[in-house]
C-alpha atoms as a PDB file:
ATOM      1  CA  MET A   1     -20.264  -4.798 -13.210  1.00  0.00           C
ATOM      2  CA  LYS A   2     -19.487  -7.755 -12.114  1.00  0.00           C
ATOM      3  CA  ILE A   3     -20.286  -9.181  -8.022  1.00  0.00           C
ATOM      4  CA  LEU A   4     -18.349 -10.649  -6.075  1.00  0.00           C
ATOM      5  CA  TRP A   5     -19.946 -12.196  -2.684  1.00  0.00           C
ATOM      6  CA  ALA A   6     -18.668 -10.693   0.160  1.00  0.00           C
ATOM      7  CA  PRO A   7     -21.287 -11.341   3.071  1.00  0.00           C
ATOM      8  CA  TRP A   8     -19.418  -9.829   5.817  1.00  0.00           C
ATOM      9  CA  ARG A   9     -19.800  -6.060   4.452  1.00  0.00           C
ATOM     10  CA  SER A  10     -23.487  -6.453   4.430  1.00  0.00           C
ATOM     11  CA  THR A  11     -23.322  -5.555   7.996  1.00  0.00           C
ATOM     12  CA  TYR A  12     -22.091  -2.418   7.041  1.00  0.00           C
ATOM     13  CA  VAL A  13     -24.068  -1.516   3.860  1.00  0.00           C
ATOM     14  CA  ASN A  14     -27.267  -2.044   5.842  1.00  0.00           C
ATOM     15  CA  GLN A  15     -26.532   0.470   8.522  1.00  0.00           C
ATOM     16  CA  THR A  16     -29.497   2.473   8.733  1.00  0.00           C
ATOM     17  CA  GLU A  17     -28.402   4.303  11.794  1.00  0.00           C
ATOM     18  CA  VAL A  18     -27.364   7.626  11.170  1.00  0.00           C
ATOM     19  CA  THR A  19     -25.333   9.882  13.989  1.00  0.00           C
ATOM     20  CA  ASP A  20     -23.867  12.957  13.835  1.00  0.00           C
ATOM     21  CA  GLN A  21     -21.240  11.899  16.050  1.00  0.00           C
ATOM     22  CA  CYS A  22     -17.780  11.383  14.673  1.00  0.00           C
ATOM     23  CA  ILE A  23     -16.952   7.708  13.870  1.00  0.00           C
ATOM     24  CA  PHE A  24     -12.957   7.809  15.194  1.00  0.00           C
ATOM     25  CA  CYS A  25     -14.828   8.777  18.700  1.00  0.00           C
ATOM     26  CA  GLN A  26     -17.861   6.433  19.005  1.00  0.00           C
ATOM     27  CA  LYS A  27     -14.661   3.668  18.226  1.00  0.00           C
ATOM     28  CA  ILE A  28     -12.900   4.865  21.225  1.00  0.00           C
ATOM     29  CA  GLU A  29     -16.231   4.817  23.249  1.00  0.00           C
ATOM     30  CA  GLY A  30     -17.295   1.099  22.151  1.00  0.00           C
ATOM     31  CA  ASN A  31     -15.837  -2.543  22.686  1.00  0.00           C
ATOM     32  CA  ASP A  32     -12.585  -2.870  21.150  1.00  0.00           C
ATOM     33  CA  GLU A  33     -13.179  -5.654  19.152  1.00  0.00           C
ATOM     34  CA  GLU A  34     -16.549  -4.721  17.732  1.00  0.00           C
ATOM     35  CA  ASN A  35     -15.314  -1.606  16.728  1.00  0.00           C
ATOM     36  CA  PHE A  36     -11.911  -3.235  15.523  1.00  0.00           C
ATOM     37  CA  VAL A  37      -9.506  -0.873  17.724  1.00  0.00           C
ATOM     38  CA  LEU A  38      -6.744  -3.068  16.978  1.00  0.00           C
ATOM     39  CA  LEU A  39      -4.113  -0.707  19.771  1.00  0.00           C
ATOM     40  CA  ARG A  40      -4.454   1.867  22.072  1.00  0.00           C
ATOM     41  CA  GLY A  41      -1.734   4.141  23.191  1.00  0.00           C
ATOM     42  CA  ASN A  42      -1.805   7.212  25.495  1.00  0.00           C
ATOM     43  CA  LEU A  43      -2.677   9.824  23.045  1.00  0.00           C
ATOM     44  CA  CYS A  44      -3.528   7.978  19.723  1.00  0.00           C
ATOM     45  CA  PHE A  45      -5.608   4.811  18.593  1.00  0.00           C
ATOM     46  CA  VAL A  46      -5.442   2.258  15.918  1.00  0.00           C
ATOM     47  CA  VAL A  47      -8.593   0.916  14.113  1.00  0.00           C
ATOM     48  CA  LEU A  48      -9.349  -1.474  11.216  1.00  0.00           C
ATOM     49  CA  ASN A  49     -10.667   0.820   8.490  1.00  0.00           C
ATOM     50  CA  LEU A  50     -14.340  -0.938   7.887  1.00  0.00           C
ATOM     51  CA  PHE A  51     -14.082  -0.088   4.004  1.00  0.00           C
ATOM     52  CA  PRO A  52     -10.349  -1.108   3.316  1.00  0.00           C
ATOM     53  CA  TYR A  53      -8.704  -0.520  -0.049  1.00  0.00           C
ATOM     54  CA  ASN A  54      -6.559  -3.894   1.045  1.00  0.00           C
ATOM     55  CA  ASN A  55      -6.851  -6.750   3.730  1.00  0.00           C
ATOM     56  CA  GLY A  56      -5.021  -4.810   6.880  1.00  0.00           C
ATOM     57  CA  HIS A  57      -5.873  -1.532   6.228  1.00  0.00           C
ATOM     58  CA  LEU A  58      -5.075   0.651   8.816  1.00  0.00           C
ATOM     59  CA  MET A  59      -6.018   3.985  10.467  1.00  0.00           C
ATOM     60  CA  VAL A  60      -4.398   5.818  13.256  1.00  0.00           C
ATOM     61  CA  ALA A  61      -6.248   8.419  15.408  1.00  0.00           C
ATOM     62  CA  PRO A  62      -5.604  10.620  17.925  1.00  0.00           C
ATOM     63  CA  TYR A  63      -8.163  10.327  20.755  1.00  0.00           C
ATOM     64  CA  ARG A  64      -8.574  14.101  20.435  1.00  0.00           C
ATOM     65  CA  HIS A  65     -11.120  15.369  18.195  1.00  0.00           C
ATOM     66  CA  ILE A  66      -9.159  17.532  15.840  1.00  0.00           C
ATOM     67  CA  GLY A  67      -8.884  18.189  12.290  1.00  0.00           C
ATOM     68  CA  SER A  68      -5.568  19.368  11.673  1.00  0.00           C
ATOM     69  CA  LEU A  69      -1.889  18.402  11.890  1.00  0.00           C
ATOM     70  CA  GLN A  70      -0.988  22.003  13.755  1.00  0.00           C
ATOM     71  CA  GLU A  71      -3.639  20.690  16.537  1.00  0.00           C
ATOM     72  CA  LEU A  72      -1.515  18.161  17.513  1.00  0.00           C
ATOM     73  CA  THR A  73       1.048  17.973  20.477  1.00  0.00           C
ATOM     74  CA  LYS A  74       4.287  17.442  19.981  1.00  0.00           C
ATOM     75  CA  GLU A  75       3.613  14.268  21.987  1.00  0.00           C
ATOM     76  CA  GLU A  76       0.714  13.473  19.826  1.00  0.00           C
ATOM     77  CA  ARG A  77       2.444  13.570  16.695  1.00  0.00           C
ATOM     78  CA  SER A  78       5.610  11.267  18.308  1.00  0.00           C
ATOM     79  CA  GLU A  79       2.957   8.777  19.915  1.00  0.00           C
ATOM     80  CA  LEU A  80       1.386   9.159  15.905  1.00  0.00           C
ATOM     81  CA  MET A  81       4.441   8.333  14.346  1.00  0.00           C
ATOM     82  CA  ASP A  82       5.625   5.480  16.769  1.00  0.00           C
ATOM     83  CA  ILE A  83       2.311   3.692  16.305  1.00  0.00           C
ATOM     84  CA  ILE A  84       2.464   3.943  12.713  1.00  0.00           C
ATOM     85  CA  VAL A  85       6.275   1.960  12.380  1.00  0.00           C
ATOM     86  CA  LEU A  86       4.660  -0.690  15.239  1.00  0.00           C
ATOM     87  CA  CYS A  87       1.667  -1.034  12.565  1.00  0.00           C
ATOM     88  CA  MET A  88       4.041  -1.774   9.623  1.00  0.00           C
ATOM     89  CA  ASP A  89       5.734  -4.010  12.047  1.00  0.00           C
ATOM     90  CA  ILE A  90       2.509  -5.925  13.139  1.00  0.00           C
ATOM     91  CA  LEU A  91       1.377  -6.024   9.467  1.00  0.00           C
ATOM     92  CA  LYS A  92       4.766  -7.248   7.890  1.00  0.00           C
ATOM     93  CA  GLU A  93       4.596  -9.951  10.714  1.00  0.00           C
ATOM     94  CA  GLY A  94       0.783 -10.626  10.701  1.00  0.00           C
ATOM     95  CA  LEU A  95      -0.287 -10.641   6.943  1.00  0.00           C
ATOM     96  CA  ASN A  96       3.339 -10.683   5.323  1.00  0.00           C
ATOM     97  CA  CYS A  97       2.597  -7.164   3.283  1.00  0.00           C
ATOM     98  CA  GLN A  98       5.879  -6.249   1.123  1.00  0.00           C
ATOM     99  CA  GLY A  99       5.164  -2.337   1.331  1.00  0.00           C
ATOM    100  CA  PHE A 100       2.749   0.382   2.304  1.00  0.00           C
ATOM    101  CA  ASN A 101       0.730   3.386   1.130  1.00  0.00           C
ATOM    102  CA  ILE A 102       0.490   5.796   4.059  1.00  0.00           C
ATOM    103  CA  GLY A 103      -1.061   8.670   4.261  1.00  0.00           C
ATOM    104  CA  MET A 104      -3.574  11.604   5.428  1.00  0.00           C
ATOM    105  CA  ASN A 105      -5.935  13.609   3.543  1.00  0.00           C
ATOM    106  CA  ILE A 106      -6.926  16.725   4.893  1.00  0.00           C
ATOM    107  CA  GLY A 107      -9.993  18.765   4.998  1.00  0.00           C
ATOM    108  CA  LYS A 108     -13.126  17.581   2.735  1.00  0.00           C
ATOM    109  CA  VAL A 109     -11.781  19.301  -0.715  1.00  0.00           C
ATOM    110  CA  ALA A 110      -8.532  17.036  -0.096  1.00  0.00           C
ATOM    111  CA  GLY A 111     -10.557  13.756  -0.187  1.00  0.00           C
ATOM    112  CA  ALA A 112     -10.738  13.391   3.709  1.00  0.00           C
ATOM    113  CA  GLY A 113     -14.085  11.185   4.398  1.00  0.00           C
ATOM    114  CA  VAL A 114     -14.090  12.729   8.237  1.00  0.00           C
ATOM    115  CA  PRO A 115     -12.429  16.124   8.036  1.00  0.00           C
ATOM    116  CA  ASP A 116     -13.053  16.959  11.168  1.00  0.00           C
ATOM    117  CA  HIS A 117     -10.620  14.281  12.864  1.00  0.00           C
ATOM    118  CA  ILE A 118      -7.366  13.432  11.774  1.00  0.00           C
ATOM    119  CA  HIS A 119      -6.130  10.311  11.070  1.00  0.00           C
ATOM    120  CA  ILE A 120      -3.390   8.367   8.763  1.00  0.00           C
ATOM    121  CA  HIS A 121      -4.332   5.751   7.006  1.00  0.00           C
ATOM    122  CA  ILE A 122      -2.066   2.798   6.033  1.00  0.00           C
ATOM    123  CA  VAL A 123      -2.087   0.070   3.588  1.00  0.00           C
ATOM    124  CA  PRO A 124      -0.395  -2.825   3.176  1.00  0.00           C
ATOM    125  CA  ARG A 125       0.917  -3.640  -0.032  1.00  0.00           C
ATOM    126  CA  TRP A 126       1.808  -6.993  -2.024  1.00  0.00           C
ATOM    127  CA  GLU A 127       3.504  -7.573  -5.530  1.00  0.00           C
ATOM    128  CA  GLY A 128       1.065  -8.025  -7.770  1.00  0.00           C
ATOM    129  CA  ASP A 129      -2.058  -6.646  -5.689  1.00  0.00           C
ATOM    130  CA  THR A 130      -3.492  -4.178  -8.288  1.00  0.00           C
ATOM    131  CA  ASN A 131      -4.730  -5.449 -11.250  1.00  0.00           C
ATOM    132  CA  PHE A 132      -7.658  -4.201 -14.195  1.00  0.00           C
ATOM    133  CA  LEU A 133     -10.675  -5.168 -11.925  1.00  0.00           C
ATOM    134  CA  PRO A 134     -10.878  -2.032  -9.914  1.00  0.00           C
ATOM    135  CA  ILE A 135     -10.201  -0.549 -12.937  1.00  0.00           C
ATOM    136  CA  ILE A 136     -12.363  -2.285 -15.826  1.00  0.00           C
ATOM    137  CA  GLY A 137     -14.805  -4.117 -14.003  1.00  0.00           C
ATOM    138  CA  ASP A 138     -15.332  -1.526 -11.247  1.00  0.00           C
ATOM    139  CA  THR A 139     -14.559  -4.466  -8.361  1.00  0.00           C
ATOM    140  CA  LYS A 140     -11.955  -5.248  -5.435  1.00  0.00           C
ATOM    141  CA  VAL A 141     -11.803  -8.094  -4.086  1.00  0.00           C
ATOM    142  CA  ILE A 142     -10.909  -8.329  -0.291  1.00  0.00           C
ATOM    143  CA  SER A 143      -9.901 -11.466   0.488  1.00  0.00           C
ATOM    144  CA  GLN A 144     -10.286 -11.699   4.159  1.00  0.00           C
ATOM    145  CA  SER A 145     -13.331 -11.172   6.843  1.00  0.00           C
ATOM    146  CA  LEU A 146     -12.553  -7.322   8.769  1.00  0.00           C
ATOM    147  CA  SER A 147     -12.854 -10.312  11.746  1.00  0.00           C
ATOM    148  CA  SER A 148     -10.518 -12.493  10.809  1.00  0.00           C
ATOM    149  CA  THR A 149      -7.925  -9.840  10.217  1.00  0.00           C
ATOM    150  CA  TYR A 150      -8.722  -8.153  13.404  1.00  0.00           C
ATOM    151  CA  HIS A 151      -7.565 -11.543  15.371  1.00  0.00           C
ATOM    152  CA  ILE A 152      -4.286 -12.338  13.123  1.00  0.00           C
ATOM    153  CA  LEU A 153      -3.259  -8.813  13.906  1.00  0.00           C
ATOM    154  CA  ARG A 154      -4.081  -9.031  17.660  1.00  0.00           C
ATOM    155  CA  SER A 155      -2.643 -11.906  18.310  1.00  0.00           C
ATOM    156  CA  THR A 156       0.993 -10.544  16.035  1.00  0.00           C
ATOM    157  CA  LEU A 157       0.251  -7.342  18.601  1.00  0.00           C
ATOM    158  CA  GLU A 158       0.125  -9.443  21.316  1.00  0.00           C
ATOM    159  CA  ARG A 159       3.133 -11.617  19.975  1.00  0.00           C
ATOM    160  CA  LEU A 160       5.415  -8.746  19.194  1.00  0.00           C
ATOM    161  CA  LYS A 161       4.685  -6.512  22.671  1.00  0.00           C
END
């Protein structure tokens, strides 16, 4: 495997603190900039994925620690969708993306990394952003640090408000 230098990821790779607390519940209790919390709604919030598939990979989650869509209130479902649409606008404006993959993995067997706190992934896409490296070379290139992405998207959010 070829190694691409990405020193900004070492903070996450070298983390040794183990906790039983949900990563989403941790995010809502801490500092927004340090935790890459992009947006707080009344019932839901948006955070950058620490291990993104692409630059700007966001996750939208309810504040409530619940594991299924059926547990969402009507108001939470509505706010989730409104926030997803806003995030798409922020990503288009801030990162000039051309499309999106939006989805959920519900339950551990479906691939949910955090099965007890539902969340929706928003992955921005650009024409030509896929290539042979992830398949043949087992390497993914993320061209921007999380901090840079966060600041671009925060300033875009402020302009769009």
